[in-house]
């Protein structure tokens, strides 16, 4: 559903979403790498969880966007 919705976004919006998603995934990779050296660090664990939650929220937000064909025009 995410792929379907993102494909229907205007190019500028799609680029912004893709950049945000890439940034979140890069951050998660960096945190994971640091966690490998400090596996019991609660702050890093919390930061990683927060990053994953942000990624999931972004995916959910895009998936819930109405498609152009489903938008009401009689308002």
N, C-alpha and C. Protein backbone atom coordinates (compact mmCIF):
# COMPACT_ATOMS: atom_id res chain seq x y z
N UNK A 1 0.83 -1.20 0.00
CA UNK A 1 0.00 0.00 0.00
C UNK A 1 0.87 1.26 0.00
N UNK A 2 1.99 1.21 0.75
CA UNK A 2 2.90 2.35 0.79
C UNK A 2 3.41 2.67 -0.60
N UNK A 3 3.84 1.67 -1.33
CA UNK A 3 4.39 1.89 -2.67
C UNK A 3 3.34 2.48 -3.60
N UNK A 4 2.11 2.02 -3.46
CA UNK A 4 1.02 2.54 -4.27
C UNK A 4 0.78 4.02 -3.97
N UNK A 5 0.75 4.34 -2.68
CA UNK A 5 0.48 5.73 -2.28
C UNK A 5 1.62 6.66 -2.65
N UNK A 6 2.83 6.21 -2.41
CA UNK A 6 3.97 7.10 -2.69
C UNK A 6 4.09 7.37 -4.19
N UNK A 7 3.72 6.39 -4.99
CA UNK A 7 3.76 6.59 -6.44
C UNK A 7 2.74 7.62 -6.90
N UNK A 8 1.68 7.80 -6.13
CA UNK A 8 0.62 8.75 -6.53
C UNK A 8 0.87 10.17 -6.01
N UNK A 9 1.92 10.36 -5.23
CA UNK A 9 2.22 11.69 -4.69
C UNK A 9 2.85 12.59 -5.74
N UNK A 10 2.67 13.89 -5.59
CA UNK A 10 3.38 14.82 -6.47
C UNK A 10 4.89 14.61 -6.30
N UNK A 11 5.66 14.82 -7.36
CA UNK A 11 7.09 14.56 -7.30
C UNK A 11 7.82 15.21 -6.13
N UNK A 12 7.53 16.45 -5.83
CA UNK A 12 8.22 17.14 -4.74
C UNK A 12 7.91 16.49 -3.39
N UNK A 13 6.67 16.11 -3.20
CA UNK A 13 6.27 15.46 -1.95
C UNK A 13 6.89 14.07 -1.85
N UNK A 14 6.88 13.35 -2.96
CA UNK A 14 7.47 12.02 -2.99
C UNK A 14 8.96 12.08 -2.64
N UNK A 15 9.66 13.05 -3.20
CA UNK A 15 11.09 13.20 -2.91
C UNK A 15 11.32 13.50 -1.43
N UNK A 16 10.46 14.33 -0.85
CA UNK A 16 10.59 14.67 0.57
C UNK A 16 10.36 13.44 1.44
N UNK A 17 9.34 12.67 1.13
CA UNK A 17 9.05 11.45 1.89
C UNK A 17 10.19 10.45 1.76
N UNK A 18 10.68 10.26 0.54
CA UNK A 18 11.78 9.32 0.33
C UNK A 18 13.04 9.76 1.07
N UNK A 19 13.31 11.07 1.10
CA UNK A 19 14.48 11.57 1.83
C UNK A 19 14.30 11.36 3.32
N UNK A 20 13.12 11.66 3.84
CA UNK A 20 12.86 11.45 5.27
C UNK A 20 13.02 9.98 5.64
N UNK A 21 12.51 9.11 4.81
CA UNK A 21 12.61 7.68 5.06
C UNK A 21 14.08 7.23 5.02
N UNK A 22 14.83 7.72 4.05
CA UNK A 22 16.25 7.38 3.96
C UNK A 22 17.01 7.91 5.17
N UNK A 23 16.67 9.12 5.62
CA UNK A 23 17.33 9.68 6.80
C UNK A 23 17.04 8.84 8.05
N UNK A 24 15.80 8.42 8.21
CA UNK A 24 15.44 7.60 9.37
C UNK A 24 16.17 6.26 9.33
N UNK A 25 16.24 5.67 8.16
CA UNK A 25 16.92 4.37 8.04
C UNK A 25 18.42 4.51 8.26
N UNK A 26 19.00 5.60 7.79
CA UNK A 26 20.42 5.85 8.03
C UNK A 26 20.67 6.04 9.53
N UNK A 27 19.81 6.80 10.18
CA UNK A 27 19.95 7.01 11.63
C UNK A 27 19.86 5.69 12.38
N UNK A 28 18.92 4.84 12.00
CA UNK A 28 18.78 3.54 12.65
C UNK A 28 20.03 2.69 12.46
N UNK A 29 20.60 2.74 11.26
CA UNK A 29 21.84 2.00 11.01
C UNK A 29 22.98 2.51 11.90
N UNK A 30 23.08 3.83 12.02
CA UNK A 30 24.13 4.43 12.85
C UNK A 30 23.94 4.05 14.33
N UNK A 31 22.72 4.10 14.79
CA UNK A 31 22.44 3.76 16.19
C UNK A 31 22.73 2.28 16.43
N UNK A 32 22.33 1.43 15.49
CA UNK A 32 22.62 -0.01 15.61
C UNK A 32 24.12 -0.27 15.69
N UNK A 33 24.89 0.43 14.87
CA UNK A 33 26.34 0.26 14.89
C UNK A 33 26.91 0.68 16.24
N UNK A 34 26.41 1.75 16.79
CA UNK A 34 26.88 2.21 18.10
C UNK A 34 26.43 1.26 19.20
N UNK A 35 25.22 0.73 19.06
CA UNK A 35 24.72 -0.24 20.03
C UNK A 35 25.55 -1.53 20.04
N UNK A 36 26.13 -1.87 18.92
CA UNK A 36 26.98 -3.07 18.87
C UNK A 36 28.16 -2.93 19.82
N UNK A 37 28.64 -1.70 19.99
CA UNK A 37 29.76 -1.44 20.91
C UNK A 37 29.29 -1.20 22.34
N UNK A 38 28.04 -0.78 22.49
CA UNK A 38 27.48 -0.46 23.82
C UNK A 38 26.09 -1.06 23.95
N UNK A 39 25.97 -2.38 23.95
CA UNK A 39 24.65 -3.01 23.90
C UNK A 39 23.75 -2.76 25.09
N UNK A 40 24.30 -2.34 26.21
CA UNK A 40 23.46 -2.13 27.39
C UNK A 40 23.13 -0.66 27.63
N UNK A 41 23.42 0.19 26.67
CA UNK A 41 23.16 1.63 26.84
C UNK A 41 21.66 1.90 26.66
N UNK A 42 20.97 2.26 27.73
CA UNK A 42 19.52 2.45 27.63
C UNK A 42 19.13 3.65 26.76
N UNK A 43 19.96 4.66 26.73
CA UNK A 43 19.65 5.83 25.90
C UNK A 43 19.70 5.46 24.42
N UNK A 44 20.69 4.70 24.02
CA UNK A 44 20.77 4.26 22.63
C UNK A 44 19.61 3.34 22.28
N UNK A 45 19.23 2.47 23.19
CA UNK A 45 18.10 1.58 22.95
C UNK A 45 16.82 2.38 22.77
N UNK A 46 16.64 3.38 23.60
CA UNK A 46 15.45 4.23 23.49
C UNK A 46 15.46 5.03 22.20
N UNK A 47 16.64 5.53 21.83
CA UNK A 47 16.76 6.30 20.60
C UNK A 47 16.46 5.43 19.38
N UNK A 48 16.94 4.20 19.40
CA UNK A 48 16.66 3.29 18.29
C UNK A 48 15.16 3.00 18.20
N UNK A 49 14.54 2.74 19.33
CA UNK A 49 13.09 2.48 19.34
C UNK A 49 12.33 3.68 18.81
N UNK A 50 12.71 4.86 19.22
CA UNK A 50 12.06 6.08 18.75
C UNK A 50 12.24 6.26 17.24
N UNK A 51 13.41 5.94 16.75
CA UNK A 51 13.68 6.06 15.31
C UNK A 51 12.81 5.08 14.52
N UNK A 52 12.71 3.85 15.01
CA UNK A 52 11.85 2.87 14.34
C UNK A 52 10.39 3.30 14.39
N UNK A 53 9.96 3.86 15.50
CA UNK A 53 8.57 4.33 15.60
C UNK A 53 8.31 5.47 14.63
N UNK A 54 9.29 6.35 14.47
CA UNK A 54 9.15 7.45 13.51
C UNK A 54 9.04 6.92 12.09
N UNK A 55 9.83 5.89 11.78
CA UNK A 55 9.77 5.29 10.45
C UNK A 55 8.40 4.66 10.22
N UNK A 56 7.91 3.92 11.20
CA UNK A 56 6.59 3.30 11.06
C UNK A 56 5.49 4.34 10.92
N UNK A 57 5.61 5.44 11.65
CA UNK A 57 4.60 6.49 11.56
C UNK A 57 4.61 7.14 10.18
N UNK A 58 5.80 7.36 9.64
CA UNK A 58 5.91 7.92 8.30
C UNK A 58 5.27 6.99 7.28
N UNK A 59 5.58 5.70 7.37
CA UNK A 59 4.98 4.73 6.46
C UNK A 59 3.46 4.70 6.59
N UNK A 60 2.97 4.74 7.82
CA UNK A 60 1.52 4.73 8.05
C UNK A 60 0.87 6.00 7.50
N UNK A 61 1.51 7.14 7.73
CA UNK A 61 0.94 8.41 7.25
C UNK A 61 0.81 8.41 5.73
N UNK A 62 1.84 7.95 5.05
CA UNK A 62 1.78 7.92 3.59
C UNK A 62 0.74 6.90 3.12
N UNK A 63 0.67 5.76 3.77
CA UNK A 63 -0.28 4.73 3.38
C UNK A 63 -1.72 5.17 3.56
N UNK A 64 -1.96 6.08 4.50
CA UNK A 64 -3.33 6.54 4.79
C UNK A 64 -3.75 7.74 3.95
N UNK A 65 -2.83 8.30 3.17
CA UNK A 65 -3.19 9.44 2.33
C UNK A 65 -4.22 9.02 1.30
N UNK A 66 -5.19 9.88 1.05
CA UNK A 66 -6.17 9.54 0.02
C UNK A 66 -5.51 9.60 -1.36
N UNK A 67 -5.95 8.75 -2.24
CA UNK A 67 -5.46 8.81 -3.61
C UNK A 67 -6.23 9.90 -4.36
N UNK A 68 -5.69 10.34 -5.45
CA UNK A 68 -6.34 11.41 -6.21
C UNK A 68 -7.75 11.02 -6.62
N UNK A 69 -7.96 9.77 -6.95
CA UNK A 69 -9.28 9.31 -7.38
C UNK A 69 -10.29 9.18 -6.26
N UNK A 70 -9.81 9.15 -5.01
CA UNK A 70 -10.73 8.95 -3.90
C UNK A 70 -11.06 10.25 -3.17
N UNK A 71 -10.50 11.36 -3.63
CA UNK A 71 -10.75 12.64 -2.96
C UNK A 71 -12.10 13.20 -3.39
N UNK A 72 -12.81 13.77 -2.44
CA UNK A 72 -14.11 14.37 -2.73
C UNK A 72 -13.91 15.73 -3.39
N UNK A 73 -14.68 15.99 -4.39
CA UNK A 73 -14.58 17.28 -5.07
C UNK A 73 -15.87 18.09 -4.92
N UNK A 74 -16.85 17.57 -4.18
CA UNK A 74 -18.13 18.25 -4.05
C UNK A 74 -18.22 19.08 -2.78
N UNK A 75 -17.10 19.36 -2.14
CA UNK A 75 -17.14 20.12 -0.89
C UNK A 75 -17.31 21.58 -1.09
